[in-house]
Amino acid sequence: MRGQGRKESLSDSRDLDGSYDQLTDSVEDEFELSTVCHRPEGLEQLQEQTKFTRKELQVLYRGFKNECPSGIVNEENFKQIYSQFFPQGDSSTYATFLFNAFDTNHDGSVSFEDFVAGLSVILRGTIDDRLNWAFNLYDLNKDGCITKEEMLDIMKSIYDMMGKYTYPALREEAPREHVESFFQKMDRNKDGVVTIEEFIESCQKGLLLLFNLPRDALNIPRKQEPEDPSPASSAAPLPCCHSLIDLLVPLART
């Protein structure tokens, strides 16, 4: 999907770099392209691989490139960007977990193709698509199951992200209590791990998802969900994409 070793024609690359309603002229586009280290796949190919339209991909790319002129984002950049959502806490560990979920080939960087593929699942995917993506996020070592240790690491990172000055105050034992609650509901055969099958089955039956975290403590507005979440959610609107920060808003509000 990355096509890093492939040289694309100027006209193919310009589909994403310079055709935003012809807001920039060709001279400016060529200057921009000369500074890009990674050029994305062709627009038509990304349309086939995601649930976004041509126009939406152009808008998404402009937002991505505003923060990442080189065309890729590394882990440190990603953590810095994500920390702007949670100035009251330390979001670095959770941002690392999130970065690893986007970095599907584990090369230490996230390209626009990587990012838009994940965003397509989060914003436009079916329920099963989203649950598979969430499971991959929680399965830290990618061995196909979630352990209590992995879940505790996730929970601690989320509470660190909330910060110490939330109201009501968070109890020190709260992360472990959430993990126990999660496993009580998700670990159907009581073998100490949660498989993808158990995770999806439990979530589809309306049990605990995302640990029932106190949203008020995160200081994030509740996202309006349809009464019957279904593939119709493929019409979910894009965030305002002036930068990568705007693109990450749906992830912070999940």
Protein backbone atom coordinates (compact mmCIF):
# COMPACT_ATOMS: atom_id res chain seq x y z
CA MET A 1 0.00 0.00 0.00
CA ARG A 2 2.90 2.33 0.70
CA GLY A 3 4.67 2.08 -2.62
CA GLN A 4 7.73 3.81 -1.15
CA GLY A 5 10.10 2.50 -3.79
CA ARG A 6 7.87 3.46 -6.66
CA LYS A 7 8.21 6.68 -8.64
CA GLU A 8 4.86 8.10 -9.62
CA SER A 9 4.22 10.64 -12.33
CA LEU A 10 3.77 14.27 -11.37
CA SER A 11 0.20 14.24 -12.64
CA ASP A 12 -0.72 11.16 -10.51
CA SER A 13 0.75 12.63 -7.35
CA ARG A 14 -0.87 15.99 -8.02
CA ASP A 15 -4.29 14.35 -7.64
CA LEU A 16 -3.72 14.49 -3.90
CA ASP A 17 -1.18 17.27 -3.64
CA GLY A 18 -2.66 19.98 -5.78
CA SER A 19 -6.21 19.49 -7.01
CA TYR A 20 -8.19 20.82 -4.05
CA ASP A 21 -10.84 22.58 -6.09
CA GLN A 22 -7.92 24.22 -7.93
CA LEU A 23 -7.15 26.33 -4.90
CA THR A 24 -3.47 26.24 -5.78
CA ASP A 25 -1.86 26.63 -9.19
CA SER A 26 0.49 24.17 -10.83
CA VAL A 27 3.64 26.10 -9.97
CA GLU A 28 2.83 25.99 -6.26
CA ASP A 29 1.91 22.33 -6.55
CA GLU A 30 5.23 21.44 -8.15
CA PHE A 31 7.06 23.31 -5.40
CA GLU A 32 5.08 21.39 -2.76
CA LEU A 33 5.81 18.06 -4.43
CA SER A 34 9.53 18.77 -4.45
CA THR A 35 9.51 18.85 -0.63
CA VAL A 36 7.48 15.65 -0.12
CA CYS A 37 9.49 12.58 0.88
CA HIS A 38 6.62 10.11 0.60
CA ARG A 39 4.06 10.44 -2.14
CA PRO A 40 0.73 8.69 -1.59
CA GLU A 41 -0.94 6.12 -3.77
CA GLY A 42 -3.05 7.37 -6.67
CA LEU A 43 -6.40 8.89 -5.83
CA GLU A 44 -8.42 6.22 -7.67
CA GLN A 45 -6.61 3.44 -5.82
CA LEU A 46 -7.30 5.04 -2.43
CA GLN A 47 -10.97 5.42 -3.38
CA GLU A 48 -11.12 1.67 -4.03
CA GLN A 49 -9.38 0.83 -0.76
CA THR A 50 -11.41 3.12 1.51
CA LYS A 51 -14.96 4.37 1.93
CA PHE A 52 -14.08 7.97 1.08
CA THR A 53 -14.93 9.91 -2.05
CA ARG A 54 -12.39 11.63 -4.26
CA LYS A 55 -13.25 15.03 -2.78
CA GLU A 56 -13.04 13.71 0.77
CA LEU A 57 -9.63 12.18 0.14
CA GLN A 58 -8.36 15.50 -1.18
CA VAL A 59 -9.61 17.30 1.95
CA LEU A 60 -8.18 14.61 4.23
CA TYR A 61 -4.81 14.80 2.52
CA ARG A 62 -4.64 18.56 2.88
CA GLY A 63 -5.27 18.21 6.62
CA PHE A 64 -2.69 15.44 6.95
CA LYS A 65 -0.04 17.31 5.02
CA ASN A 66 -0.50 20.51 7.03
CA GLU A 67 1.01 18.68 10.01
CA CYS A 68 3.22 16.26 8.04
CA PRO A 69 4.82 17.98 5.03
CA SER A 70 7.06 14.94 4.48
CA GLY A 71 4.02 12.74 3.89
CA ILE A 72 4.57 10.51 6.93
CA VAL A 73 4.32 10.88 10.71
CA ASN A 74 6.55 9.11 13.21
CA GLU A 75 5.65 8.08 16.75
CA GLU A 76 7.04 11.16 18.47
CA ASN A 77 5.19 13.53 16.14
CA PHE A 78 2.01 11.53 16.63
CA LYS A 79 2.32 11.75 20.42
CA GLN A 80 2.91 15.49 20.30
CA ILE A 81 -0.14 16.01 18.12
CA TYR A 82 -2.38 13.78 20.23
CA SER A 83 -1.28 15.43 23.48
CA GLN A 84 -3.10 18.60 22.40
CA PHE A 85 -6.40 16.84 23.15
CA PHE A 86 -5.43 16.12 26.76
CA PRO A 87 -3.37 18.97 28.21
CA GLN A 88 -4.50 18.00 31.72
CA GLY A 89 -2.84 14.57 31.55
CA ASP A 90 -0.14 12.47 29.92
CA SER A 91 -1.44 10.92 26.71
CA SER A 92 1.93 9.67 25.45
CA THR A 93 1.48 5.99 26.30
CA TYR A 94 -2.03 5.76 24.87
CA ALA A 95 -0.90 7.65 21.78
CA THR A 96 1.83 5.04 21.30
CA PHE A 97 -0.77 2.27 21.40
CA LEU A 98 -2.90 4.19 18.91
CA PHE A 99 0.08 4.84 16.65
CA ASN A 100 0.90 1.12 16.60
CA ALA A 101 -2.67 0.35 15.52
CA PHE A 102 -2.21 2.62 12.48
CA ASP A 103 1.33 1.42 11.75
CA THR A 104 0.11 -1.88 10.35
CA ASN A 105 3.43 -2.93 8.81
CA HIS A 106 5.39 -1.91 11.94
CA ASP A 107 8.02 0.21 10.21
CA GLY A 108 7.85 3.05 12.73
CA SER A 109 5.94 5.49 10.55
CA VAL A 110 2.36 6.18 9.46
CA SER A 111 1.78 7.34 5.91
CA PHE A 112 -1.33 8.98 4.59
CA GLU A 113 -2.41 5.61 3.17
CA ASP A 114 -2.05 3.99 6.61
CA PHE A 115 -3.90 6.77 8.31
CA VAL A 116 -6.79 7.08 5.88
CA ALA A 117 -7.27 3.29 5.91
CA GLY A 118 -7.72 3.33 9.68
CA LEU A 119 -9.86 6.45 9.59
CA SER A 120 -12.10 4.82 7.00
CA VAL A 121 -12.77 1.93 9.38
CA ILE A 122 -13.35 4.20 12.37
CA LEU A 123 -15.67 6.63 10.58
CA ARG A 124 -17.29 4.49 7.90
CA GLY A 125 -16.70 0.85 8.76
CA THR A 126 -19.33 -1.71 9.70
CA ILE A 127 -19.76 -2.69 13.34
CA ASP A 128 -17.58 -5.77 12.79
CA ASP A 129 -14.93 -3.65 11.06
CA ARG A 130 -14.79 -1.26 14.01
CA LEU A 131 -14.70 -4.05 16.58
CA ASN A 132 -11.84 -5.76 14.75
CA TRP A 133 -9.95 -2.45 14.69
CA ALA A 134 -10.58 -1.90 18.41
CA PHE A 135 -9.44 -5.43 19.22
CA ASN A 136 -6.21 -4.84 17.32
CA LEU A 137 -5.66 -1.68 19.34
CA TYR A 138 -6.04 -3.54 22.67
CA ASP A 139 -4.02 -6.59 21.56
CA LEU A 140 -0.71 -4.92 22.24
CA ASN A 141 1.61 -7.75 21.20
CA LYS A 142 -0.63 -8.74 18.25
CA ASP A 143 -0.81 -12.43 19.24
CA GLY A 144 -4.55 -12.72 18.70
CA CYS A 145 -5.76 -12.40 22.27
CA ILE A 146 -6.02 -9.75 24.99
CA THR A 147 -4.51 -10.54 28.39
CA LYS A 148 -5.20 -8.85 31.70
CA GLU A 149 -1.71 -7.37 31.62
CA GLU A 150 -2.34 -5.78 28.22
CA MET A 151 -5.70 -4.48 29.30
CA LEU A 152 -4.24 -3.04 32.48
CA ASP A 153 -1.57 -1.23 30.45
CA ILE A 154 -4.32 0.21 28.24
CA MET A 155 -6.41 1.23 31.23
CA LYS A 156 -3.51 2.90 33.03
CA SER A 157 -2.64 4.82 29.88
CA ILE A 158 -6.23 6.05 29.59
CA TYR A 159 -6.33 7.18 33.21
CA ASP A 160 -2.94 8.87 32.78
CA MET A 161 -4.44 10.67 29.80
CA MET A 162 -7.32 11.88 31.96
CA GLY A 163 -4.93 13.48 34.43
CA LYS A 164 -4.99 13.68 38.21
CA TYR A 165 -7.29 16.65 38.52
CA THR A 166 -10.55 15.23 37.25
CA TYR A 167 -13.89 15.52 39.00
CA PRO A 168 -14.88 13.30 40.63
CA ALA A 169 -11.37 12.25 41.58
CA LEU A 170 -10.26 8.95 40.11
CA ARG A 171 -9.43 6.22 42.59
CA GLU A 172 -6.03 4.54 42.29
CA GLU A 173 -7.58 1.08 42.04
CA ALA A 174 -10.03 2.11 39.29
CA PRO A 175 -7.95 0.84 36.31
CA ARG A 176 -7.66 -2.66 37.78
CA GLU A 177 -11.36 -2.69 38.64
CA HIS A 178 -12.21 -1.84 35.03
CA VAL A 179 -9.97 -4.67 33.83
CA GLU A 180 -11.69 -7.17 36.13
CA SER A 181 -15.09 -5.97 34.95
CA PHE A 182 -13.97 -6.24 31.34
CA PHE A 183 -12.79 -9.83 31.76
CA GLN A 184 -15.82 -10.89 33.74
CA LYS A 185 -18.00 -9.93 30.80
CA MET A 186 -15.71 -10.68 27.87
CA ASP A 187 -13.79 -13.82 28.90
CA ARG A 188 -16.59 -16.27 28.11
CA ASN A 189 -14.66 -19.49 28.79
CA LYS A 190 -12.74 -18.08 31.77
CA ASP A 191 -9.31 -19.03 30.44
CA GLY A 192 -7.72 -15.71 31.36
CA VAL A 193 -7.57 -14.22 27.85
CA VAL A 194 -10.10 -12.59 25.52
CA THR A 195 -10.08 -13.76 21.90
CA ILE A 196 -11.37 -11.81 18.93
CA GLU A 197 -14.41 -14.10 18.81
CA GLU A 198 -15.24 -13.45 22.47
CA PHE A 199 -14.67 -9.74 22.05
CA ILE A 200 -16.94 -9.38 19.03
CA GLU A 201 -19.65 -11.67 20.43
CA SER A 202 -19.77 -9.80 23.74
CA CYS A 203 -19.82 -6.38 22.10
CA GLN A 204 -22.53 -7.39 19.66
CA LYS A 205 -24.67 -8.51 22.59
CA GLY A 206 -24.43 -5.04 24.07
CA LEU A 207 -21.90 -5.74 26.81
CA LEU A 208 -19.07 -3.50 27.92
CA LEU A 209 -17.12 -1.71 25.21
CA LEU A 210 -14.31 0.75 25.79
CA PHE A 211 -14.56 -0.06 29.50
CA ASN A 212 -17.46 2.30 30.24
CA LEU A 213 -15.02 5.10 30.99
CA PRO A 214 -16.34 8.32 32.55
CA ARG A 215 -16.50 10.65 29.54
CA ASP A 216 -16.88 13.72 31.69
CA ALA A 217 -13.47 13.01 33.18
CA LEU A 218 -12.02 13.07 29.66
CA ASN A 219 -13.67 16.45 29.11
CA ILE A 220 -14.76 15.34 25.63
CA PRO A 221 -18.28 15.98 24.32
CA ARG A 222 -20.30 12.83 23.73
CA LYS A 223 -20.52 12.06 20.06
CA GLN A 224 -24.04 11.80 18.69
CA GLU A 225 -24.60 8.16 17.74
CA PRO A 226 -27.44 6.89 15.56
CA GLU A 227 -30.11 4.98 17.43
CA ASP A 228 -29.39 1.92 15.32
CA PRO A 229 -25.67 1.85 14.52
CA SER A 230 -25.35 0.04 11.22
CA PRO A 231 -23.59 0.32 7.87
CA ALA A 232 -25.77 3.42 7.35
CA SER A 233 -23.17 5.15 9.51
CA SER A 234 -21.03 5.12 6.36
CA ALA A 235 -22.51 8.57 5.84
CA ALA A 236 -20.68 9.83 8.94
CA PRO A 237 -19.42 13.34 8.19
CA LEU A 238 -15.73 14.09 8.00
CA PRO A 239 -14.13 16.19 10.72
CA CYS A 240 -13.07 19.72 9.83
CA CYS A 241 -9.69 18.91 8.31
CA HIS A 242 -7.37 21.86 8.58
CA SER A 243 -4.69 19.66 10.12
CA LEU A 244 -3.92 16.20 11.42
CA ILE A 245 -5.25 17.37 14.78
CA ASP A 246 -8.72 17.71 13.24
CA LEU A 247 -8.40 14.24 11.72
CA LEU A 248 -7.64 12.75 15.14
CA VAL A 249 -10.77 14.23 16.74
CA PRO A 250 -12.92 11.17 15.97
CA LEU A 251 -10.33 8.97 17.71
CA ALA A 252 -10.33 11.09 20.84
CA ARG A 253 -14.12 10.96 20.96
CA THR A 254 -14.52 7.26 20.30
